[in-house]
PDBML (XML) file of the C-alpha atoms, coordinates in Angstrom:
<?xml version="1.0" encoding="UTF-8" ?>
<PDBx:datablock datablockName="MODEL"
   xmlns:PDBx="http://pdbml.pdb.org/schema/pdbx-v50.xsd"
   xmlns:xsi="http://www.w3.org/2001/XMLSchema-instance"
   xsi:schemaLocation="http://pdbml.pdb.org/schema/pdbx-v50.xsd pdbx-v50.xsd">
   <PDBx:atom_siteCategory>
      <PDBx:atom_site id="1">
         <PDBx:B_iso_or_equiv>0.00</PDBx:B_iso_or_equiv>
         <PDBx:Cartn_x>111.222</PDBx:Cartn_x>
         <PDBx:Cartn_y>58.340</PDBx:Cartn_y>
         <PDBx:Cartn_z>116.181</PDBx:Cartn_z>
         <PDBx:auth_asym_id>A</PDBx:auth_asym_id>
         <PDBx:auth_atom_id>CA</PDBx:auth_atom_id>
         <PDBx:auth_comp_id>UNK</PDBx:auth_comp_id>
         <PDBx:auth_seq_id>1</PDBx:auth_seq_id>
         <PDBx:group_PDB>ATOM</PDBx:group_PDB>
         <PDBx:label_alt_id xsi:nil="true" />
         <PDBx:label_asym_id>A</PDBx:label_asym_id>
         <PDBx:label_atom_id>CA</PDBx:label_atom_id>
         <PDBx:label_comp_id>UNK</PDBx:label_comp_id>
         <PDBx:label_entity_id>1</PDBx:label_entity_id>
         <PDBx:label_seq_id>1</PDBx:label_seq_id>
         <PDBx:occupancy>1.00</PDBx:occupancy>
         <PDBx:pdbx_PDB_model_num>1</PDBx:pdbx_PDB_model_num>
         <PDBx:type_symbol>C</PDBx:type_symbol>
      </PDBx:atom_site>
      <PDBx:atom_site id="2">
         <PDBx:B_iso_or_equiv>0.00</PDBx:B_iso_or_equiv>
         <PDBx:Cartn_x>113.138</PDBx:Cartn_x>
         <PDBx:Cartn_y>55.697</PDBx:Cartn_y>
         <PDBx:Cartn_z>118.114</PDBx:Cartn_z>
         <PDBx:auth_asym_id>A</PDBx:auth_asym_id>
         <PDBx:auth_atom_id>CA</PDBx:auth_atom_id>
         <PDBx:auth_comp_id>UNK</PDBx:auth_comp_id>
         <PDBx:auth_seq_id>2</PDBx:auth_seq_id>
         <PDBx:group_PDB>ATOM</PDBx:group_PDB>
         <PDBx:label_alt_id xsi:nil="true" />
         <PDBx:label_asym_id>A</PDBx:label_asym_id>
         <PDBx:label_atom_id>CA</PDBx:label_atom_id>
         <PDBx:label_comp_id>UNK</PDBx:label_comp_id>
         <PDBx:label_entity_id>1</PDBx:label_entity_id>
         <PDBx:label_seq_id>2</PDBx:label_seq_id>
         <PDBx:occupancy>1.00</PDBx:occupancy>
         <PDBx:pdbx_PDB_model_num>1</PDBx:pdbx_PDB_model_num>
         <PDBx:type_symbol>C</PDBx:type_symbol>
      </PDBx:atom_site>
      <PDBx:atom_site id="3">
         <PDBx:B_iso_or_equiv>0.00</PDBx:B_iso_or_equiv>
         <PDBx:Cartn_x>115.694</PDBx:Cartn_x>
         <PDBx:Cartn_y>53.256</PDBx:Cartn_y>
         <PDBx:Cartn_z>116.759</PDBx:Cartn_z>
         <PDBx:auth_asym_id>A</PDBx:auth_asym_id>
         <PDBx:auth_atom_id>CA</PDBx:auth_atom_id>
         <PDBx:auth_comp_id>UNK</PDBx:auth_comp_id>
         <PDBx:auth_seq_id>3</PDBx:auth_seq_id>
         <PDBx:group_PDB>ATOM</PDBx:group_PDB>
         <PDBx:label_alt_id xsi:nil="true" />
         <PDBx:label_asym_id>A</PDBx:label_asym_id>
         <PDBx:label_atom_id>CA</PDBx:label_atom_id>
         <PDBx:label_comp_id>UNK</PDBx:label_comp_id>
         <PDBx:label_entity_id>1</PDBx:label_entity_id>
         <PDBx:label_seq_id>3</PDBx:label_seq_id>
         <PDBx:occupancy>1.00</PDBx:occupancy>
         <PDBx:pdbx_PDB_model_num>1</PDBx:pdbx_PDB_model_num>
         <PDBx:type_symbol>C</PDBx:type_symbol>
      </PDBx:atom_site>
      <PDBx:atom_site id="4">
         <PDBx:B_iso_or_equiv>0.00</PDBx:B_iso_or_equiv>
         <PDBx:Cartn_x>117.309</PDBx:Cartn_x>
         <PDBx:Cartn_y>50.626</PDBx:Cartn_y>
         <PDBx:Cartn_z>118.927</PDBx:Cartn_z>
         <PDBx:auth_asym_id>A</PDBx:auth_asym_id>
         <PDBx:auth_atom_id>CA</PDBx:auth_atom_id>
         <PDBx:auth_comp_id>UNK</PDBx:auth_comp_id>
         <PDBx:auth_seq_id>4</PDBx:auth_seq_id>
         <PDBx:group_PDB>ATOM</PDBx:group_PDB>
         <PDBx:label_alt_id xsi:nil="true" />
         <PDBx:label_asym_id>A</PDBx:label_asym_id>
         <PDBx:label_atom_id>CA</PDBx:label_atom_id>
         <PDBx:label_comp_id>UNK</PDBx:label_comp_id>
         <PDBx:label_entity_id>1</PDBx:label_entity_id>
         <PDBx:label_seq_id>4</PDBx:label_seq_id>
         <PDBx:occupancy>1.00</PDBx:occupancy>
         <PDBx:pdbx_PDB_model_num>1</PDBx:pdbx_PDB_model_num>
         <PDBx:type_symbol>C</PDBx:type_symbol>
      </PDBx:atom_site>
      <PDBx:atom_site id="5">
         <PDBx:B_iso_or_equiv>0.00</PDBx:B_iso_or_equiv>
         <PDBx:Cartn_x>119.836</PDBx:Cartn_x>
         <PDBx:Cartn_y>47.997</PDBx:Cartn_y>
         <PDBx:Cartn_z>117.911</PDBx:Cartn_z>
         <PDBx:auth_asym_id>A</PDBx:auth_asym_id>
         <PDBx:auth_atom_id>CA</PDBx:auth_atom_id>
         <PDBx:auth_comp_id>UNK</PDBx:auth_comp_id>
         <PDBx:auth_seq_id>5</PDBx:auth_seq_id>
         <PDBx:group_PDB>ATOM</PDBx:group_PDB>
         <PDBx:label_alt_id xsi:nil="true" />
         <PDBx:label_asym_id>A</PDBx:label_asym_id>
         <PDBx:label_atom_id>CA</PDBx:label_atom_id>
         <PDBx:label_comp_id>UNK</PDBx:label_comp_id>
         <PDBx:label_entity_id>1</PDBx:label_entity_id>
         <PDBx:label_seq_id>5</PDBx:label_seq_id>
         <PDBx:occupancy>1.00</PDBx:occupancy>
         <PDBx:pdbx_PDB_model_num>1</PDBx:pdbx_PDB_model_num>
         <PDBx:type_symbol>C</PDBx:type_symbol>
      </PDBx:atom_site>
      <PDBx:atom_site id="6">
         <PDBx:B_iso_or_equiv>0.00</PDBx:B_iso_or_equiv>
         <PDBx:Cartn_x>121.363</PDBx:Cartn_x>
         <PDBx:Cartn_y>45.387</PDBx:Cartn_y>
         <PDBx:Cartn_z>120.148</PDBx:Cartn_z>
         <PDBx:auth_asym_id>A</PDBx:auth_asym_id>
         <PDBx:auth_atom_id>CA</PDBx:auth_atom_id>
         <PDBx:auth_comp_id>UNK</PDBx:auth_comp_id>
         <PDBx:auth_seq_id>6</PDBx:auth_seq_id>
         <PDBx:group_PDB>ATOM</PDBx:group_PDB>
         <PDBx:label_alt_id xsi:nil="true" />
         <PDBx:label_asym_id>A</PDBx:label_asym_id>
         <PDBx:label_atom_id>CA</PDBx:label_atom_id>
         <PDBx:label_comp_id>UNK</PDBx:label_comp_id>
         <PDBx:label_entity_id>1</PDBx:label_entity_id>
         <PDBx:label_seq_id>6</PDBx:label_seq_id>
         <PDBx:occupancy>1.00</PDBx:occupancy>
         <PDBx:pdbx_PDB_model_num>1</PDBx:pdbx_PDB_model_num>
         <PDBx:type_symbol>C</PDBx:type_symbol>
      </PDBx:atom_site>
      <PDBx:atom_site id="7">
         <PDBx:B_iso_or_equiv>0.00</PDBx:B_iso_or_equiv>
         <PDBx:Cartn_x>122.660</PDBx:Cartn_x>
         <PDBx:Cartn_y>41.852</PDBx:Cartn_y>
         <PDBx:Cartn_z>120.129</PDBx:Cartn_z>
         <PDBx:auth_asym_id>A</PDBx:auth_asym_id>
         <PDBx:auth_atom_id>CA</PDBx:auth_atom_id>
         <PDBx:auth_comp_id>UNK</PDBx:auth_comp_id>
         <PDBx:auth_seq_id>7</PDBx:auth_seq_id>
         <PDBx:group_PDB>ATOM</PDBx:group_PDB>
         <PDBx:label_alt_id xsi:nil="true" />
         <PDBx:label_asym_id>A</PDBx:label_asym_id>
         <PDBx:label_atom_id>CA</PDBx:label_atom_id>
         <PDBx:label_comp_id>UNK</PDBx:label_comp_id>
         <PDBx:label_entity_id>1</PDBx:label_entity_id>
         <PDBx:label_seq_id>7</PDBx:label_seq_id>
         <PDBx:occupancy>1.00</PDBx:occupancy>
         <PDBx:pdbx_PDB_model_num>1</PDBx:pdbx_PDB_model_num>
         <PDBx:type_symbol>C</PDBx:type_symbol>
      </PDBx:atom_site>
      <PDBx:atom_site id="8">
         <PDBx:B_iso_or_equiv>0.00</PDBx:B_iso_or_equiv>
         <PDBx:Cartn_x>122.502</PDBx:Cartn_x>
         <PDBx:Cartn_y>38.992</PDBx:Cartn_y>
         <PDBx:Cartn_z>122.596</PDBx:Cartn_z>
         <PDBx:auth_asym_id>A</PDBx:auth_asym_id>
         <PDBx:auth_atom_id>CA</PDBx:auth_atom_id>
         <PDBx:auth_comp_id>UNK</PDBx:auth_comp_id>
         <PDBx:auth_seq_id>8</PDBx:auth_seq_id>
         <PDBx:group_PDB>ATOM</PDBx:group_PDB>
         <PDBx:label_alt_id xsi:nil="true" />
         <PDBx:label_asym_id>A</PDBx:label_asym_id>
         <PDBx:label_atom_id>CA</PDBx:label_atom_id>
         <PDBx:label_comp_id>UNK</PDBx:label_comp_id>
         <PDBx:label_entity_id>1</PDBx:label_entity_id>
         <PDBx:label_seq_id>8</PDBx:label_seq_id>
         <PDBx:occupancy>1.00</PDBx:occupancy>
         <PDBx:pdbx_PDB_model_num>1</PDBx:pdbx_PDB_model_num>
         <PDBx:type_symbol>C</PDBx:type_symbol>
      </PDBx:atom_site>
      <PDBx:atom_site id="9">
         <PDBx:B_iso_or_equiv>0.00</PDBx:B_iso_or_equiv>
         <PDBx:Cartn_x>124.677</PDBx:Cartn_x>
         <PDBx:Cartn_y>36.073</PDBx:Cartn_y>
         <PDBx:Cartn_z>121.686</PDBx:Cartn_z>
         <PDBx:auth_asym_id>A</PDBx:auth_asym_id>
         <PDBx:auth_atom_id>CA</PDBx:auth_atom_id>
         <PDBx:auth_comp_id>UNK</PDBx:auth_comp_id>
         <PDBx:auth_seq_id>9</PDBx:auth_seq_id>
         <PDBx:group_PDB>ATOM</PDBx:group_PDB>
         <PDBx:label_alt_id xsi:nil="true" />
         <PDBx:label_asym_id>A</PDBx:label_asym_id>
         <PDBx:label_atom_id>CA</PDBx:label_atom_id>
         <PDBx:label_comp_id>UNK</PDBx:label_comp_id>
         <PDBx:label_entity_id>1</PDBx:label_entity_id>
         <PDBx:label_seq_id>9</PDBx:label_seq_id>
         <PDBx:occupancy>1.00</PDBx:occupancy>
         <PDBx:pdbx_PDB_model_num>1</PDBx:pdbx_PDB_model_num>
         <PDBx:type_symbol>C</PDBx:type_symbol>
      </PDBx:atom_site>
      <PDBx:atom_site id="10">
         <PDBx:B_iso_or_equiv>0.00</PDBx:B_iso_or_equiv>
         <PDBx:Cartn_x>123.882</PDBx:Cartn_x>
         <PDBx:Cartn_y>35.104</PDBx:Cartn_y>
         <PDBx:Cartn_z>118.091</PDBx:Cartn_z>
         <PDBx:auth_asym_id>A</PDBx:auth_asym_id>
         <PDBx:auth_atom_id>CA</PDBx:auth_atom_id>
         <PDBx:auth_comp_id>UNK</PDBx:auth_comp_id>
         <PDBx:auth_seq_id>10</PDBx:auth_seq_id>
         <PDBx:group_PDB>ATOM</PDBx:group_PDB>
         <PDBx:label_alt_id xsi:nil="true" />
         <PDBx:label_asym_id>A</PDBx:label_asym_id>
         <PDBx:label_atom_id>CA</PDBx:label_atom_id>
         <PDBx:label_comp_id>UNK</PDBx:label_comp_id>
         <PDBx:label_entity_id>1</PDBx:label_entity_id>
         <PDBx:label_seq_id>10</PDBx:label_seq_id>
         <PDBx:occupancy>1.00</PDBx:occupancy>
         <PDBx:pdbx_PDB_model_num>1</PDBx:pdbx_PDB_model_num>
         <PDBx:type_symbol>C</PDBx:type_symbol>
      </PDBx:atom_site>
      <PDBx:atom_site id="11">
         <PDBx:B_iso_or_equiv>0.00</PDBx:B_iso_or_equiv>
         <PDBx:Cartn_x>120.646</PDBx:Cartn_x>
         <PDBx:Cartn_y>37.110</PDBx:Cartn_y>
         <PDBx:Cartn_z>117.958</PDBx:Cartn_z>
         <PDBx:auth_asym_id>A</PDBx:auth_asym_id>
         <PDBx:auth_atom_id>CA</PDBx:auth_atom_id>
         <PDBx:auth_comp_id>UNK</PDBx:auth_comp_id>
         <PDBx:auth_seq_id>11</PDBx:auth_seq_id>
         <PDBx:group_PDB>ATOM</PDBx:group_PDB>
         <PDBx:label_alt_id xsi:nil="true" />
         <PDBx:label_asym_id>A</PDBx:label_asym_id>
         <PDBx:label_atom_id>CA</PDBx:label_atom_id>
         <PDBx:label_comp_id>UNK</PDBx:label_comp_id>
         <PDBx:label_entity_id>1</PDBx:label_entity_id>
         <PDBx:label_seq_id>11</PDBx:label_seq_id>
         <PDBx:occupancy>1.00</PDBx:occupancy>
         <PDBx:pdbx_PDB_model_num>1</PDBx:pdbx_PDB_model_num>
         <PDBx:type_symbol>C</PDBx:type_symbol>
      </PDBx:atom_site>
      <PDBx:atom_site id="12">
         <PDBx:B_iso_or_equiv>0.00</PDBx:B_iso_or_equiv>
         <PDBx:Cartn_x>120.710</PDBx:Cartn_x>
         <PDBx:Cartn_y>40.558</PDBx:Cartn_y>
         <PDBx:Cartn_z>116.342</PDBx:Cartn_z>
         <PDBx:auth_asym_id>A</PDBx:auth_asym_id>
         <PDBx:auth_atom_id>CA</PDBx:auth_atom_id>
         <PDBx:auth_comp_id>UNK</PDBx:auth_comp_id>
         <PDBx:auth_seq_id>12</PDBx:auth_seq_id>
         <PDBx:group_PDB>ATOM</PDBx:group_PDB>
         <PDBx:label_alt_id xsi:nil="true" />
         <PDBx:label_asym_id>A</PDBx:label_asym_id>
         <PDBx:label_atom_id>CA</PDBx:label_atom_id>
         <PDBx:label_comp_id>UNK</PDBx:label_comp_id>
         <PDBx:label_entity_id>1</PDBx:label_entity_id>
         <PDBx:label_seq_id>12</PDBx:label_seq_id>
         <PDBx:occupancy>1.00</PDBx:occupancy>
         <PDBx:pdbx_PDB_model_num>1</PDBx:pdbx_PDB_model_num>
         <PDBx:type_symbol>C</PDBx:type_symbol>
      </PDBx:atom_site>
      <PDBx:atom_site id="13">
         <PDBx:B_iso_or_equiv>0.00</PDBx:B_iso_or_equiv>
         <PDBx:Cartn_x>117.686</PDBx:Cartn_x>
         <PDBx:Cartn_y>42.729</PDBx:Cartn_y>
         <PDBx:Cartn_z>117.082</PDBx:Cartn_z>
         <PDBx:auth_asym_id>A</PDBx:auth_asym_id>
         <PDBx:auth_atom_id>CA</PDBx:auth_atom_id>
         <PDBx:auth_comp_id>UNK</PDBx:auth_comp_id>
         <PDBx:auth_seq_id>13</PDBx:auth_seq_id>
         <PDBx:group_PDB>ATOM</PDBx:group_PDB>
         <PDBx:label_alt_id xsi:nil="true" />
         <PDBx:label_asym_id>A</PDBx:label_asym_id>
         <PDBx:label_atom_id>CA</PDBx:label_atom_id>
         <PDBx:label_comp_id>UNK</PDBx:label_comp_id>
         <PDBx:label_entity_id>1</PDBx:label_entity_id>
         <PDBx:label_seq_id>13</PDBx:label_seq_id>
         <PDBx:occupancy>1.00</PDBx:occupancy>
         <PDBx:pdbx_PDB_model_num>1</PDBx:pdbx_PDB_model_num>
         <PDBx:type_symbol>C</PDBx:type_symbol>
      </PDBx:atom_site>
      <PDBx:atom_site id="14">
         <PDBx:B_iso_or_equiv>0.00</PDBx:B_iso_or_equiv>
         <PDBx:Cartn_x>116.624</PDBx:Cartn_x>
         <PDBx:Cartn_y>46.057</PDBx:Cartn_y>
         <PDBx:Cartn_z>115.588</PDBx:Cartn_z>
         <PDBx:auth_asym_id>A</PDBx:auth_asym_id>
         <PDBx:auth_atom_id>CA</PDBx:auth_atom_id>
         <PDBx:auth_comp_id>UNK</PDBx:auth_comp_id>
         <PDBx:auth_seq_id>14</PDBx:auth_seq_id>
         <PDBx:group_PDB>ATOM</PDBx:group_PDB>
         <PDBx:label_alt_id xsi:nil="true" />
         <PDBx:label_asym_id>A</PDBx:label_asym_id>
         <PDBx:label_atom_id>CA</PDBx:label_atom_id>
         <PDBx:label_comp_id>UNK</PDBx:label_comp_id>
         <PDBx:label_entity_id>1</PDBx:label_entity_id>
         <PDBx:label_seq_id>14</PDBx:label_seq_id>
         <PDBx:occupancy>1.00</PDBx:occupancy>
         <PDBx:pdbx_PDB_model_num>1</PDBx:pdbx_PDB_model_num>
         <PDBx:type_symbol>C</PDBx:type_symbol>
      </PDBx:atom_site>
      <PDBx:atom_site id="15">
         <PDBx:B_iso_or_equiv>0.00</PDBx:B_iso_or_equiv>
         <PDBx:Cartn_x>113.541</PDBx:Cartn_x>
         <PDBx:Cartn_y>48.043</PDBx:Cartn_y>
         <PDBx:Cartn_z>116.635</PDBx:Cartn_z>
         <PDBx:auth_asym_id>A</PDBx:auth_asym_id>
         <PDBx:auth_atom_id>CA</PDBx:auth_atom_id>
         <PDBx:auth_comp_id>UNK</PDBx:auth_comp_id>
         <PDBx:auth_seq_id>15</PDBx:auth_seq_id>
         <PDBx:group_PDB>ATOM</PDBx:group_PDB>
         <PDBx:label_alt_id xsi:nil="true" />
         <PDBx:label_asym_id>A</PDBx:label_asym_id>
         <PDBx:label_atom_id>CA</PDBx:label_atom_id>
         <PDBx:label_comp_id>UNK</PDBx:label_comp_id>
         <PDBx:label_entity_id>1</PDBx:label_entity_id>
         <PDBx:label_seq_id>15</PDBx:label_seq_id>
         <PDBx:occupancy>1.00</PDBx:occupancy>
         <PDBx:pdbx_PDB_model_num>1</PDBx:pdbx_PDB_model_num>
         <PDBx:type_symbol>C</PDBx:type_symbol>
      </PDBx:atom_site>
      <PDBx:atom_site id="16">
         <PDBx:B_iso_or_equiv>0.00</PDBx:B_iso_or_equiv>
         <PDBx:Cartn_x>112.304</PDBx:Cartn_x>
         <PDBx:Cartn_y>50.999</PDBx:Cartn_y>
         <PDBx:Cartn_z>114.562</PDBx:Cartn_z>
         <PDBx:auth_asym_id>A</PDBx:auth_asym_id>
         <PDBx:auth_atom_id>CA</PDBx:auth_atom_id>
         <PDBx:auth_comp_id>UNK</PDBx:auth_comp_id>
         <PDBx:auth_seq_id>16</PDBx:auth_seq_id>
         <PDBx:group_PDB>ATOM</PDBx:group_PDB>
         <PDBx:label_alt_id xsi:nil="true" />
         <PDBx:label_asym_id>A</PDBx:label_asym_id>
         <PDBx:label_atom_id>CA</PDBx:label_atom_id>
         <PDBx:label_comp_id>UNK</PDBx:label_comp_id>
         <PDBx:label_entity_id>1</PDBx:label_entity_id>
         <PDBx:label_seq_id>16</PDBx:label_seq_id>
         <PDBx:occupancy>1.00</PDBx:occupancy>
         <PDBx:pdbx_PDB_model_num>1</PDBx:pdbx_PDB_model_num>
         <PDBx:type_symbol>C</PDBx:type_symbol>
      </PDBx:atom_site>
      <PDBx:atom_site id="17">
         <PDBx:B_iso_or_equiv>0.00</PDBx:B_iso_or_equiv>
         <PDBx:Cartn_x>109.398</PDBx:Cartn_x>
         <PDBx:Cartn_y>52.760</PDBx:Cartn_y>
         <PDBx:Cartn_z>116.287</PDBx:Cartn_z>
         <PDBx:auth_asym_id>A</PDBx:auth_asym_id>
         <PDBx:auth_atom_id>CA</PDBx:auth_atom_id>
         <PDBx:auth_comp_id>UNK</PDBx:auth_comp_id>
         <PDBx:auth_seq_id>17</PDBx:auth_seq_id>
         <PDBx:group_PDB>ATOM</PDBx:group_PDB>
         <PDBx:label_alt_id xsi:nil="true" />
         <PDBx:label_asym_id>A</PDBx:label_asym_id>
         <PDBx:label_atom_id>CA</PDBx:label_atom_id>
         <PDBx:label_comp_id>UNK</PDBx:label_comp_id>
         <PDBx:label_entity_id>1</PDBx:label_entity_id>
         <PDBx:label_seq_id>17</PDBx:label_seq_id>
         <PDBx:occupancy>1.00</PDBx:occupancy>
         <PDBx:pdbx_PDB_model_num>1</PDBx:pdbx_PDB_model_num>
         <PDBx:type_symbol>C</PDBx:type_symbol>
      </PDBx:atom_site>
      <PDBx:atom_site id="18">
         <PDBx:B_iso_or_equiv>0.00</PDBx:B_iso_or_equiv>
         <PDBx:Cartn_x>107.558</PDBx:Cartn_x>
         <PDBx:Cartn_y>55.824</PDBx:Cartn_y>
         <PDBx:Cartn_z>114.978</PDBx:Cartn_z>
         <PDBx:auth_asym_id>A</PDBx:auth_asym_id>
         <PDBx:auth_atom_id>CA</PDBx:auth_atom_id>
         <PDBx:auth_comp_id>UNK</PDBx:auth_comp_id>
         <PDBx:auth_seq_id>18</PDBx:auth_seq_id>
         <PDBx:group_PDB>ATOM</PDBx:group_PDB>
         <PDBx:label_alt_id xsi:nil="true" />
         <PDBx:label_asym_id>A</PDBx:label_asym_id>
         <PDBx:label_atom_id>CA</PDBx:label_atom_id>
         <PDBx:label_comp_id>UNK</PDBx:label_comp_id>
         <PDBx:label_entity_id>1</PDBx:label_entity_id>
         <PDBx:label_seq_id>18</PDBx:label_seq_id>
         <PDBx:occupancy>1.00</PDBx:occupancy>
         <PDBx:pdbx_PDB_model_num>1</PDBx:pdbx_PDB_model_num>
         <PDBx:type_symbol>C</PDBx:type_symbol>
      </PDBx:atom_site>
      <PDBx:atom_site id="19">
         <PDBx:B_iso_or_equiv>0.00</PDBx:B_iso_or_equiv>
         <PDBx:Cartn_x>104.943</PDBx:Cartn_x>
         <PDBx:Cartn_y>57.564</PDBx:Cartn_y>
         <PDBx:Cartn_z>117.134</PDBx:Cartn_z>
         <PDBx:auth_asym_id>A</PDBx:auth_asym_id>
         <PDBx:auth_atom_id>CA</PDBx:auth_atom_id>
         <PDBx:auth_comp_id>UNK</PDBx:auth_comp_id>
         <PDBx:auth_seq_id>19</PDBx:auth_seq_id>
         <PDBx:group_PDB>ATOM</PDBx:group_PDB>
         <PDBx:label_alt_id xsi:nil="true" />
         <PDBx:label_asym_id>A</PDBx:label_asym_id>
         <PDBx:label_atom_id>CA</PDBx:label_atom_id>
         <PDBx:label_comp_id>UNK</PDBx:label_comp_id>
         <PDBx:label_entity_id>1</PDBx:label_entity_id>
         <PDBx:label_seq_id>19</PDBx:label_seq_id>
         <PDBx:occupancy>1.00</PDBx:occupancy>
         <PDBx:pdbx_PDB_model_num>1</PDBx:pdbx_PDB_model_num>
         <PDBx:type_symbol>C</PDBx:type_symbol>
      </PDBx:atom_site>
      <PDBx:atom_site id="20">
         <PDBx:B_iso_or_equiv>0.00</PDBx:B_iso_or_equiv>
         <PDBx:Cartn_x>102.853</PDBx:Cartn_x>
         <PDBx:Cartn_y>59.890</PDBx:Cartn_y>
         <PDBx:Cartn_z>114.942</PDBx:Cartn_z>
         <PDBx:auth_asym_id>A</PDBx:auth_asym_id>
         <PDBx:auth_atom_id>CA</PDBx:auth_atom_id>
         <PDBx:auth_comp_id>UNK</PDBx:auth_comp_id>
         <PDBx:auth_seq_id>20</PDBx:auth_seq_id>
         <PDBx:group_PDB>ATOM</PDBx:group_PDB>
         <PDBx:label_alt_id xsi:nil="true" />
         <PDBx:label_asym_id>A</PDBx:label_asym_id>
         <PDBx:label_atom_id>CA</PDBx:label_atom_id>
         <PDBx:label_comp_id>UNK</PDBx:label_comp_id>
         <PDBx:label_entity_id>1</PDBx:label_entity_id>
         <PDBx:label_seq_id>20</PDBx:label_seq_id>
         <PDBx:occupancy>1.00</PDBx:occupancy>
         <PDBx:pdbx_PDB_model_num>1</PDBx:pdbx_PDB_model_num>
         <PDBx:type_symbol>C</PDBx:type_symbol>
      </PDBx:atom_site>
      <PDBx:atom_site id="21">
         <PDBx:B_iso_or_equiv>0.00</PDBx:B_iso_or_equiv>
         <PDBx:Cartn_x>100.293</PDBx:Cartn_x>
         <PDBx:Cartn_y>62.425</PDBx:Cartn_y>
         <PDBx:Cartn_z>116.066</PDBx:Cartn_z>
         <PDBx:auth_asym_id>A</PDBx:auth_asym_id>
         <PDBx:auth_atom_id>CA</PDBx:auth_atom_id>
         <PDBx:auth_comp_id>UNK</PDBx:auth_comp_id>
         <PDBx:auth_seq_id>21</PDBx:auth_seq_id>
         <PDBx:group_PDB>ATOM</PDBx:group_PDB>
         <PDBx:label_alt_id xsi:nil="true" />
         <PDBx:label_asym_id>A</PDBx:label_asym_id>
         <PDBx:label_atom_id>CA</PDBx:label_atom_id>
         <PDBx:label_comp_id>UNK</PDBx:label_comp_id>
         <PDBx:label_entity_id>1</PDBx:label_entity_id>
         <PDBx:label_seq_id>21</PDBx:label_seq_id>
         <PDBx:occupancy>1.00</PDBx:occupancy>
         <PDBx:pdbx_PDB_model_num>1</PDBx:pdbx_PDB_model_num>
         <PDBx:type_symbol>C</PDBx:type_symbol>
      </PDBx:atom_site>
      <PDBx:atom_site id="22">
         <PDBx:B_iso_or_equiv>0.00</PDBx:B_iso_or_equiv>
         <PDBx:Cartn_x>101.314</PDBx:Cartn_x>
         <PDBx:Cartn_y>62.206</PDBx:Cartn_y>
         <PDBx:Cartn_z>119.708</PDBx:Cartn_z>
         <PDBx:auth_asym_id>A</PDBx:auth_asym_id>
         <PDBx:auth_atom_id>CA</PDBx:auth_atom_id>
         <PDBx:auth_comp_id>UNK</PDBx:auth_comp_id>
         <PDBx:auth_seq_id>22</PDBx:auth_seq_id>
         <PDBx:group_PDB>ATOM</PDBx:group_PDB>
         <PDBx:label_alt_id xsi:nil="true" />
         <PDBx:label_asym_id>A</PDBx:label_asym_id>
         <PDBx:label_atom_id>CA</PDBx:label_atom_id>
         <PDBx:label_comp_id>UNK</PDBx:label_comp_id>
         <PDBx:label_entity_id>1</PDBx:label_entity_id>
         <PDBx:label_seq_id>22</PDBx:label_seq_id>
         <PDBx:occupancy>1.00</PDBx:occupancy>
         <PDBx:pdbx_PDB_model_num>1</PDBx:pdbx_PDB_model_num>
         <PDBx:type_symbol>C</PDBx:type_symbol>
      </PDBx:atom_site>
      <PDBx:atom_site id="23">
         <PDBx:B_iso_or_equiv>0.00</PDBx:B_iso_or_equiv>
         <PDBx:Cartn_x>98.687</PDBx:Cartn_x>
         <PDBx:Cartn_y>64.636</PDBx:Cartn_y>
         <PDBx:Cartn_z>120.960</PDBx:Cartn_z>
         <PDBx:auth_asym_id>A</PDBx:auth_asym_id>
         <PDBx:auth_atom_id>CA</PDBx:auth_atom_id>
         <PDBx:auth_comp_id>UNK</PDBx:auth_comp_id>
         <PDBx:auth_seq_id>23</PDBx:auth_seq_id>
         <PDBx:group_PDB>ATOM</PDBx:group_PDB>
         <PDBx:label_alt_id xsi:nil="true" />
         <PDBx:label_asym_id>A</PDBx:label_asym_id>
         <PDBx:label_atom_id>CA</PDBx:label_atom_id>
         <PDBx:label_comp_id>UNK</PDBx:label_comp_id>
         <PDBx:label_entity_id>1</PDBx:label_entity_id>
         <PDBx:label_seq_id>23</PDBx:label_seq_id>
         <PDBx:occupancy>1.00</PDBx:occupancy>
         <PDBx:pdbx_PDB_model_num>1</PDBx:pdbx_PDB_model_num>
         <PDBx:type_symbol>C</PDBx:type_symbol>
      </PDBx:atom_site>
      <PDBx:atom_site id="24">
         <PDBx:B_iso_or_equiv>0.00</PDBx:B_iso_or_equiv>
         <PDBx:Cartn_x>97.727</PDBx:Cartn_x>
         <PDBx:Cartn_y>66.265</PDBx:Cartn_y>
         <PDBx:Cartn_z>124.244</PDBx:Cartn_z>
         <PDBx:auth_asym_id>A</PDBx:auth_asym_id>
         <PDBx:auth_atom_id>CA</PDBx:auth_atom_id>
         <PDBx:auth_comp_id>UNK</PDBx:auth_comp_id>
         <PDBx:auth_seq_id>24</PDBx:auth_seq_id>
         <PDBx:group_PDB>ATOM</PDBx:group_PDB>
         <PDBx:label_alt_id xsi:nil="true" />
         <PDBx:label_asym_id>A</PDBx:label_asym_id>
         <PDBx:label_atom_id>CA</PDBx:label_atom_id>
         <PDBx:label_comp_id>UNK</PDBx:label_comp_id>
         <PDBx:label_entity_id>1</PDBx:label_entity_id>
         <PDBx:label_seq_id>24</PDBx:label_seq_id>
         <PDBx:occupancy>1.00</PDBx:occupancy>
         <PDBx:pdbx_PDB_model_num>1</PDBx:pdbx_PDB_model_num>
         <PDBx:type_symbol>C</PDBx:type_symbol>
      </PDBx:atom_site>
   </PDBx:atom_siteCategory>
</PDBx:datablock>
């Protein structure tokens, strides 16, 4: 699970990424 939040100027960005069943 990866969550990333950042802002550039007036733009607020949030990424919520979930990698399920990562299998080798």
